[in-house]
Amino acid sequence: MIELDDVLEARERVQKTARRTPLEHSYTYSSMTGADVHLKLENFQRTGAFKIRGATNRIATLSAEQKDAGVVTASAGNHAQGVALAATRAGVDAKIVMPEHAPIAKVKATRSYGAEVVLSGRDYDAAADRAHEIEREEDRTYVHAFDDEMVMAGQGTIGLEILEDCPNVDTVVVPIGGGGLISGIATAIKEQKPDTRVIGVQAEGASSAKESLERGERVTLEGVETIADGIATRTIGERTFEHIREYVDEIVTVSDPETAMTIVHLLERSKTVVEGAGAVPLAAVLFEKFDFDEDETIVTALCGGNIDLNTLTNVIVRGLVETGRYLKIRTVLTDRPGALEDLLEIFTAHRANIYAIHHDRTSRDVNMSDTEVEIELEMRGPDHVEAFLADMREAGYDVDVLA
């Protein structure tokens, strides 16, 4: 178990490389929830995520012999970049194993920081198996993404900053993948302000920490499925599990649609880009996944902003669908002049803005006298969508909602 002194010592090493990130009060989310919501903007950190803190602390504590032999690690992306930059700054050779389907942006960024990247395995755990093989073959030091005392202590420096910038905080909400971040933050928070709650958040499709806490033993999932790739781990660490049991008050989960909507909220309302893992703490607050009082001071740790642009595009569309601002429908018209114009009168009446129309006379799914139409629309919210679809069906159109 790490202690507060470990975190305080880590700060002396970490501050030479990592930035002290802002903690901002959000009028928008405070108004939406009734709580006093603050955002710890760790997505503004060097390399775009908190991982540089733990990696810097771990590499700074290596022996001279270990530094000469080099380091190896496995990561879905953020830890990879943190280790790559920390190792380069310390003059240490680094080899990083990343899952085969790791986001392209994270792979390119890791290479740009000076590390050699090896793509192997379908997820973090499979990549870790290959990294441990390299550890044995090349006598490198393995820098664990989360289950390492010095890594946890480095991440805990975020907790020190939260208490310094918001000493009256009641609840700190932190994402959980393998548990290193929340272990460090919870240690720093609870050993200075024991009455402050620490809430962990996982994706529904990667909920090993929640299940482990409920069962009282570490659980390994058969697989994970979530847009929050930064916390897509099948199990938590042995060391982190002990810290979670000791210091974390509750663990909740959020769905991918809720995460997507939160990413869109942050883009639109706060002008802030976060990845899925960075959005889940705020999603837990916005969708009331745990109980909190009116005016309760809540800090959400937005842990990273390294989202792949293709993923971001999909997330934005999904978020717009979930909030009733994007609608894709399919219907069938009689293949005659004026049929499309009749349909468009309903659109005009509802002031539904058309993005695109695809008109297909050759579809095998309709009669030869008919034509299939797919239409993408900008809408103004769930009530607008509901009223629009009701009028279309009342007018006799058979409508399939595609998105």
Protein backbone atom coordinates (compact mmCIF):
# COMPACT_ATOMS: atom_id res chain seq x y z
CA MET A 1 0.00 0.00 0.00
CA ILE A 2 1.31 3.41 -0.93
CA GLU A 3 0.94 6.22 1.59
CA LEU A 4 0.59 9.99 1.42
CA ASP A 5 4.36 10.43 1.79
CA ASP A 6 4.88 8.39 -1.39
CA VAL A 7 2.61 10.75 -3.29
CA LEU A 8 4.30 13.82 -1.85
CA GLU A 9 7.72 12.48 -2.84
CA ALA A 10 6.36 11.67 -6.32
CA ARG A 11 5.31 15.28 -6.80
CA GLU A 12 8.94 16.41 -6.57
CA ARG A 13 9.84 14.09 -9.45
CA VAL A 14 6.67 14.51 -11.52
CA GLN A 15 6.55 18.31 -11.58
CA LYS A 16 9.74 18.42 -13.66
CA THR A 17 7.90 16.83 -16.60
CA ALA A 18 4.14 16.93 -16.03
CA ARG A 19 1.99 20.05 -15.99
CA ARG A 20 -0.21 21.17 -13.13
CA THR A 21 -3.57 21.05 -14.87
CA PRO A 22 -6.49 23.47 -14.31
CA LEU A 23 -9.45 22.81 -12.04
CA GLU A 24 -12.42 24.78 -13.34
CA HIS A 25 -15.88 25.36 -11.93
CA SER A 26 -18.59 24.54 -14.48
CA TYR A 27 -21.66 26.78 -14.38
CA THR A 28 -23.24 24.62 -17.09
CA TYR A 29 -23.03 21.30 -15.28
CA SER A 30 -23.73 22.84 -11.90
CA SER A 31 -26.96 24.26 -13.33
CA MET A 32 -27.87 20.94 -14.95
CA THR A 33 -27.33 18.86 -11.81
CA GLY A 34 -27.92 21.21 -8.88
CA ALA A 35 -24.48 20.30 -7.52
CA ASP A 36 -21.34 22.47 -7.46
CA VAL A 37 -19.47 20.73 -10.28
CA HIS A 38 -15.78 21.23 -11.04
CA LEU A 39 -13.72 19.74 -13.88
CA LYS A 40 -10.14 18.60 -13.32
CA LEU A 41 -8.85 19.09 -16.86
CA GLU A 42 -6.19 16.43 -17.07
CA ASN A 43 -6.90 16.25 -20.80
CA PHE A 44 -4.71 19.39 -20.94
CA GLN A 45 -1.77 17.37 -19.58
CA ARG A 46 1.37 16.74 -21.64
CA THR A 47 0.70 13.76 -23.96
CA GLY A 48 -3.01 14.52 -23.48
CA ALA A 49 -3.55 12.34 -20.41
CA PHE A 50 -2.60 11.78 -16.78
CA LYS A 51 -0.34 8.79 -17.52
CA ILE A 52 2.78 10.94 -17.85
CA ARG A 53 2.69 11.43 -14.07
CA GLY A 54 2.99 7.78 -13.09
CA ALA A 55 5.42 6.95 -15.89
CA THR A 56 7.72 9.81 -14.92
CA ASN A 57 7.75 8.77 -11.27
CA ARG A 58 8.45 5.11 -12.08
CA ILE A 59 11.28 5.79 -14.52
CA ALA A 60 12.86 8.35 -12.16
CA THR A 61 13.16 5.64 -9.50
CA LEU A 62 14.92 3.06 -11.72
CA SER A 63 18.47 2.04 -10.87
CA ALA A 64 21.31 2.94 -13.22
CA GLU A 65 21.46 -0.68 -14.42
CA GLN A 66 17.73 -0.72 -15.15
CA LYS A 67 17.95 2.51 -17.09
CA ASP A 68 20.79 1.10 -19.21
CA ALA A 69 18.75 -2.03 -20.05
CA GLY A 70 15.69 -0.05 -21.07
CA VAL A 71 12.00 -0.40 -20.28
CA VAL A 72 9.01 -2.13 -21.83
CA THR A 73 5.29 -1.75 -21.24
CA ALA A 74 1.86 -2.51 -22.65
CA SER A 75 -0.80 0.11 -23.18
CA ALA A 76 -3.94 0.94 -25.14
CA GLY A 77 -2.42 4.35 -25.79
CA ASN A 78 -2.17 6.89 -22.98
CA HIS A 79 0.31 4.99 -20.79
CA ALA A 80 2.29 4.28 -23.95
CA GLN A 81 2.69 7.98 -24.63
CA GLY A 82 3.52 8.72 -21.01
CA VAL A 83 6.25 6.07 -20.87
CA ALA A 84 7.60 7.10 -24.27
CA LEU A 85 8.00 10.75 -23.29
CA ALA A 86 9.24 10.05 -19.75
CA ALA A 87 11.80 7.54 -21.03
CA THR A 88 13.03 9.84 -23.78
CA ARG A 89 13.49 12.71 -21.34
CA ALA A 90 15.42 10.39 -19.00
CA GLY A 91 17.58 8.97 -21.82
CA VAL A 92 16.08 5.48 -21.43
CA ASP A 93 15.24 3.20 -24.37
CA ALA A 94 11.55 2.26 -24.42
CA LYS A 95 9.64 -0.45 -26.25
CA ILE A 96 5.84 -0.23 -26.14
CA VAL A 97 3.40 -3.05 -26.99
CA MET A 98 -0.02 -1.79 -28.05
CA PRO A 99 -3.15 -3.76 -29.07
CA GLU A 100 -3.43 -4.33 -32.81
CA HIS A 101 -6.51 -2.12 -32.97
CA ALA A 102 -5.22 0.70 -30.78
CA PRO A 103 -6.35 4.14 -32.00
CA ILE A 104 -4.11 5.30 -34.86
CA ALA A 105 -3.61 8.72 -33.26
CA LYS A 106 -2.24 7.14 -30.09
CA VAL A 107 0.11 4.83 -32.00
CA LYS A 108 1.52 7.72 -34.05
CA ALA A 109 1.89 9.92 -30.97
CA THR A 110 3.74 7.19 -29.07
CA ARG A 111 6.23 6.78 -31.89
CA SER A 112 6.66 10.55 -32.12
CA TYR A 113 7.80 10.63 -28.47
CA GLY A 114 10.71 8.35 -29.33
CA ALA A 115 9.57 4.84 -28.39
CA GLU A 116 9.55 1.69 -30.52
CA VAL A 117 5.96 0.45 -30.94
CA VAL A 118 5.03 -3.23 -31.28
CA LEU A 119 1.41 -4.00 -32.24
CA SER A 120 0.22 -7.28 -30.74
CA GLY A 121 -3.01 -8.75 -29.35
CA ARG A 122 -6.70 -7.88 -29.51
CA ASP A 123 -6.79 -5.91 -26.24
CA TYR A 124 -4.64 -4.56 -23.40
CA ASP A 125 -4.30 -7.91 -21.64
CA ALA A 126 -3.07 -9.69 -24.76
CA ALA A 127 -0.61 -6.85 -25.42
CA ALA A 128 0.63 -7.19 -21.84
CA ASP A 129 1.39 -10.88 -22.40
CA ARG A 130 3.66 -9.97 -25.33
CA ALA A 131 5.29 -7.17 -23.34
CA HIS A 132 6.19 -9.60 -20.55
CA GLU A 133 7.79 -11.89 -23.15
CA ILE A 134 9.96 -8.97 -24.29
CA GLU A 135 10.75 -8.19 -20.64
CA ARG A 136 12.20 -11.70 -20.22
CA GLU A 137 13.88 -11.88 -23.62
CA GLU A 138 15.64 -8.50 -23.42
CA ASP A 139 16.01 -8.07 -19.63
CA ARG A 140 14.06 -4.80 -19.70
CA THR A 141 12.15 -3.37 -16.74
CA TYR A 142 8.42 -3.68 -17.14
CA VAL A 143 6.61 -0.41 -16.37
CA HIS A 144 3.11 -1.51 -15.47
CA ALA A 145 0.27 0.72 -16.59
CA PHE A 146 -1.40 0.62 -13.17
CA ASP A 147 -0.33 -2.17 -10.79
CA ASP A 148 2.88 -0.51 -9.57
CA GLU A 149 3.40 1.52 -6.40
CA MET A 150 5.47 4.24 -8.05
CA VAL A 151 3.00 4.56 -10.92
CA MET A 152 0.10 4.85 -8.46
CA ALA A 153 2.00 7.44 -6.42
CA GLY A 154 2.64 9.50 -9.55
CA GLN A 155 -1.04 9.46 -10.49
CA GLY A 156 -1.87 10.47 -6.92
CA THR A 157 -0.35 13.90 -7.51
CA ILE A 158 -3.67 14.76 -9.17
CA GLY A 159 -5.33 14.27 -5.79
CA LEU A 160 -2.89 16.69 -4.17
CA GLU A 161 -3.77 19.33 -6.77
CA ILE A 162 -7.51 18.77 -6.33
CA LEU A 163 -7.35 19.37 -2.58
CA GLU A 164 -5.12 22.41 -2.98
CA ASP A 165 -7.37 24.00 -5.61
CA CYS A 166 -10.70 22.90 -4.10
CA PRO A 167 -10.20 22.29 -0.37
CA ASN A 168 -13.97 22.12 0.30
CA VAL A 169 -14.52 19.21 -2.13
CA ASP A 170 -17.15 16.71 -0.96
CA THR A 171 -16.86 14.08 -3.70
CA VAL A 172 -14.17 13.21 -6.23
CA VAL A 173 -15.25 11.13 -9.24
CA VAL A 174 -12.53 9.13 -11.02
CA PRO A 175 -12.51 6.67 -13.94
CA ILE A 176 -11.27 3.12 -13.36
CA GLY A 177 -9.54 0.87 -15.84
CA GLY A 178 -6.85 -1.10 -14.05
CA GLY A 179 -7.17 1.07 -10.97
CA GLY A 180 -3.85 2.94 -10.81
CA LEU A 181 -5.36 6.41 -11.16
CA ILE A 182 -8.05 6.00 -8.54
CA SER A 183 -5.64 4.24 -6.17
CA GLY A 184 -3.26 7.19 -6.21
CA ILE A 185 -5.93 9.88 -6.08
CA ALA A 186 -7.89 8.10 -3.33
CA THR A 187 -4.75 7.73 -1.22
CA ALA A 188 -3.94 11.42 -1.54
CA ILE A 189 -7.54 12.46 -0.82
CA LYS A 190 -8.49 10.07 1.97
CA GLU A 191 -5.25 10.42 3.98
CA GLN A 192 -5.74 14.20 4.10
CA LYS A 193 -9.54 14.54 4.07
CA PRO A 194 -11.11 11.21 5.08
CA ASP A 195 -14.71 12.47 4.87
CA THR A 196 -14.40 13.26 1.15
CA ARG A 197 -16.08 10.57 -0.94
CA VAL A 198 -14.20 8.91 -3.77
CA ILE A 199 -16.47 7.46 -6.46
CA GLY A 200 -15.07 5.21 -9.18
CA VAL A 201 -16.65 4.97 -12.63
CA GLN A 202 -16.35 2.21 -15.21
CA ALA A 203 -17.91 1.49 -18.59
CA GLU A 204 -20.73 -1.05 -18.46
CA GLY A 205 -18.80 -3.18 -20.94
CA ALA A 206 -15.63 -3.22 -18.81
CA SER A 207 -16.78 -3.41 -15.19
CA SER A 208 -14.16 -5.64 -13.56
CA ALA A 209 -13.51 -3.27 -10.62
CA LYS A 210 -17.19 -2.97 -9.75
CA GLU A 211 -17.68 -6.73 -9.88
CA SER A 212 -14.47 -7.31 -7.91
CA LEU A 213 -15.56 -4.94 -5.14
CA GLU A 214 -19.00 -6.56 -4.95
CA ARG A 215 -17.56 -10.10 -4.77
CA GLY A 216 -14.66 -9.25 -2.49
CA GLU A 217 -12.12 -10.76 -4.89
CA ARG A 218 -10.52 -9.81 -8.18
CA VAL A 219 -12.65 -10.69 -11.19
CA THR A 220 -11.30 -11.21 -14.70
CA LEU A 221 -13.80 -10.62 -17.49
CA GLU A 222 -13.83 -12.82 -20.60
CA GLY A 223 -13.81 -9.71 -22.78
CA VAL A 224 -14.54 -6.00 -22.82
CA GLU A 225 -16.59 -3.84 -25.16
CA THR A 226 -16.67 -0.06 -24.83
CA ILE A 227 -15.86 3.15 -26.68
CA ALA A 228 -13.81 4.14 -23.63
CA ASP A 229 -10.67 2.33 -24.80
CA GLY A 230 -8.52 3.91 -22.09
CA ILE A 231 -10.34 1.93 -19.38
CA ALA A 232 -11.05 -1.22 -21.41
CA THR A 233 -9.25 -3.72 -19.17
CA ARG A 234 -10.45 -7.20 -18.27
CA THR A 235 -9.22 -7.03 -14.68
CA ILE A 236 -7.79 -4.67 -12.11
CA GLY A 237 -4.42 -5.02 -10.45
CA GLU A 238 -3.64 -6.89 -7.24
CA ARG A 239 -2.18 -3.79 -5.62
CA THR A 240 -4.85 -1.45 -6.95
CA PHE A 241 -7.61 -3.75 -5.69
CA GLU A 242 -6.31 -3.37 -2.14
CA HIS A 243 -6.36 0.43 -2.45
CA ILE A 244 -9.84 0.39 -3.96
CA ARG A 245 -11.18 -1.76 -1.10
CA GLU A 246 -9.52 0.53 1.43
CA TYR A 247 -10.33 3.96 0.05
CA VAL A 248 -13.06 3.93 -2.64
CA ASP A 249 -16.59 4.50 -1.37
CA GLU A 250 -18.55 3.29 -4.40
CA ILE A 251 -18.10 2.15 -8.00
CA VAL A 252 -20.74 2.84 -10.65
CA THR A 253 -20.99 2.19 -14.39
CA VAL A 254 -22.12 4.24 -17.36
CA SER A 255 -23.27 3.07 -20.79
CA ASP A 256 -21.55 3.89 -24.06
CA PRO A 257 -24.49 6.08 -25.21
CA GLU A 258 -24.23 8.04 -21.96
CA THR A 259 -20.49 8.42 -22.49
CA ALA A 260 -21.05 9.56 -26.09
CA MET A 261 -23.61 12.16 -25.01
CA THR A 262 -21.20 13.48 -22.39
CA ILE A 263 -18.40 13.82 -24.94
CA VAL A 264 -20.77 15.82 -27.15
CA HIS A 265 -21.87 17.93 -24.16
CA LEU A 266 -18.26 18.78 -23.34
CA LEU A 267 -17.50 19.65 -26.95
CA GLU A 268 -20.52 21.86 -27.36
CA ARG A 269 -20.91 23.46 -23.95
CA SER A 270 -17.37 23.49 -22.51
CA LYS A 271 -15.37 23.55 -25.76
CA THR A 272 -13.37 20.66 -24.34
CA VAL A 273 -12.26 17.49 -26.14
CA VAL A 274 -12.09 14.31 -24.05
CA GLU A 275 -11.84 10.64 -24.85
CA GLY A 276 -14.31 8.06 -23.56
CA ALA A 277 -12.34 7.35 -20.40
CA GLY A 278 -12.16 11.09 -19.72
CA ALA A 279 -15.92 11.50 -20.07
CA VAL A 280 -17.17 8.73 -17.78
CA PRO A 281 -16.78 10.65 -14.46
CA LEU A 282 -18.93 13.53 -15.69
CA ALA A 283 -21.36 11.06 -17.29
CA ALA A 284 -21.84 9.45 -13.87
CA VAL A 285 -22.82 12.86 -12.47
CA LEU A 286 -25.03 13.96 -15.37
CA PHE A 287 -26.93 10.67 -15.43
CA GLU A 288 -27.14 10.49 -11.62
CA LYS A 289 -25.39 7.16 -11.20
CA PHE A 290 -24.79 7.88 -7.51
CA ASP A 291 -26.61 9.96 -4.92
CA PHE A 292 -25.47 13.49 -4.22
CA ASP A 293 -26.97 16.48 -2.45
CA GLU A 294 -27.90 19.83 -3.88
CA ASP A 295 -24.91 22.20 -3.73
CA GLU A 296 -22.54 19.28 -3.00
CA THR A 297 -19.08 20.13 -4.31
CA ILE A 298 -18.06 17.50 -6.85
CA VAL A 299 -14.79 17.26 -8.76
CA THR A 300 -14.76 15.08 -11.87
CA ALA A 301 -11.37 13.93 -13.17
CA LEU A 302 -11.39 14.28 -16.96
CA CYS A 303 -8.38 12.03 -17.30
CA GLY A 304 -7.56 12.28 -21.01
CA GLY A 305 -8.30 13.83 -24.38
CA ASN A 306 -6.64 11.43 -26.83
CA ILE A 307 -9.63 10.42 -28.91
CA ASP A 308 -9.17 9.08 -32.44
CA LEU A 309 -10.81 11.39 -35.00
CA ASN A 310 -12.74 8.55 -36.62
CA THR A 311 -14.00 7.51 -33.22
CA LEU A 312 -14.88 11.11 -32.41
CA THR A 313 -16.93 11.37 -35.62
CA ASN A 314 -18.89 8.25 -34.68
CA VAL A 315 -19.33 9.44 -31.12
CA ILE A 316 -20.66 12.83 -32.22
CA VAL A 317 -23.23 11.19 -34.50
CA ARG A 318 -24.22 8.75 -31.74
CA GLY A 319 -24.51 11.59 -29.26
CA LEU A 320 -26.70 13.58 -31.66
CA VAL A 321 -28.91 10.52 -32.18
CA GLU A 322 -29.28 9.96 -28.43
CA THR A 323 -30.23 13.60 -27.87
CA GLY A 324 -32.74 13.64 -30.73
CA ARG A 325 -30.77 15.99 -32.95
CA TYR A 326 -29.98 13.59 -35.77
CA LEU A 327 -32.49 11.24 -37.39
CA LYS A 328 -32.06 8.78 -40.23
CA ILE A 329 -35.22 7.17 -41.60
CA ARG A 330 -36.31 4.91 -44.43
CA THR A 331 -39.73 4.87 -46.08
CA VAL A 332 -41.40 3.78 -49.32
CA LEU A 333 -43.06 6.05 -51.86
CA THR A 334 -45.19 5.30 -54.88
CA ASP A 335 -42.98 5.79 -57.92
CA ARG A 336 -44.84 8.70 -59.50
CA PRO A 337 -44.15 12.39 -60.11
CA GLY A 338 -44.85 14.51 -57.02
CA ALA A 339 -44.57 11.68 -54.47
CA LEU A 340 -41.34 13.06 -52.99
CA GLU A 341 -42.78 16.58 -52.96
CA ASP A 342 -45.75 15.34 -50.91
CA LEU A 343 -43.37 13.80 -48.39
CA LEU A 344 -41.29 16.95 -48.18
CA GLU A 345 -44.38 18.97 -47.21
CA ILE A 346 -44.33 17.14 -43.88
CA PHE A 347 -40.65 17.99 -43.45
CA THR A 348 -41.37 21.64 -44.18
CA ALA A 349 -44.26 21.73 -41.72
CA HIS A 350 -41.97 20.45 -38.97
CA ARG A 351 -38.99 22.52 -40.09
CA ALA A 352 -36.82 19.40 -40.23
CA ASN A 353 -33.53 20.23 -41.93
CA ILE A 354 -32.43 17.69 -44.56
CA TYR A 355 -28.80 16.54 -44.60
CA ALA A 356 -29.16 13.99 -47.41
CA ILE A 357 -31.71 12.01 -49.42
CA HIS A 358 -31.05 8.68 -51.14
CA HIS A 359 -33.75 7.70 -53.67
CA ASP A 360 -33.53 4.03 -54.80
CA ARG A 361 -35.89 2.60 -57.47
CA THR A 362 -33.87 -0.64 -57.76
CA SER A 363 -34.22 -1.93 -54.19
CA ARG A 364 -35.40 -5.55 -54.08
CA ASP A 365 -37.19 -4.85 -50.79
CA VAL A 366 -40.02 -2.87 -52.43
CA ASN A 367 -42.56 -3.43 -55.18
CA MET A 368 -41.57 -2.51 -58.72
CA SER A 369 -44.12 0.31 -58.64
CA ASP A 370 -42.54 1.82 -55.54
CA THR A 371 -39.26 3.49 -54.62
CA GLU A 372 -37.28 3.36 -51.37
CA VAL A 373 -36.10 6.61 -49.78
CA GLU A 374 -33.49 7.05 -47.03
CA ILE A 375 -33.31 10.50 -45.47
CA GLU A 376 -30.92 12.06 -42.92
CA LEU A 377 -32.33 14.94 -40.90
CA GLU A 378 -31.27 17.54 -38.37
CA MET A 379 -33.84 17.66 -35.57
CA ARG A 380 -34.34 19.78 -32.47
CA GLY A 381 -34.72 17.13 -29.78
CA PRO A 382 -36.70 14.02 -28.73
CA ASP A 383 -40.09 15.82 -28.69
CA HIS A 384 -39.48 17.15 -32.20
CA VAL A 385 -38.56 13.65 -33.43
CA GLU A 386 -41.62 12.09 -31.80
CA ALA A 387 -44.05 14.63 -33.27
CA PHE A 388 -42.47 14.39 -36.72
CA LEU A 389 -42.64 10.58 -36.85
CA ALA A 390 -46.22 10.60 -35.57
CA ASP A 391 -47.31 12.92 -38.38
CA MET A 392 -45.53 10.82 -41.00
CA ARG A 393 -47.26 7.66 -39.83
CA GLU A 394 -50.60 9.42 -39.58
CA ALA A 395 -50.13 10.47 -43.22
CA GLY A 396 -49.79 6.80 -44.15
CA TYR A 397 -46.03 6.39 -44.45
CA ASP A 398 -44.39 3.23 -43.13
CA VAL A 399 -41.26 4.61 -41.43
CA ASP A 400 -38.20 2.69 -40.24
CA VAL A 401 -35.87 4.60 -37.91
CA LEU A 402 -32.29 3.71 -38.87
CA ALA A 403 -30.50 6.07 -36.46
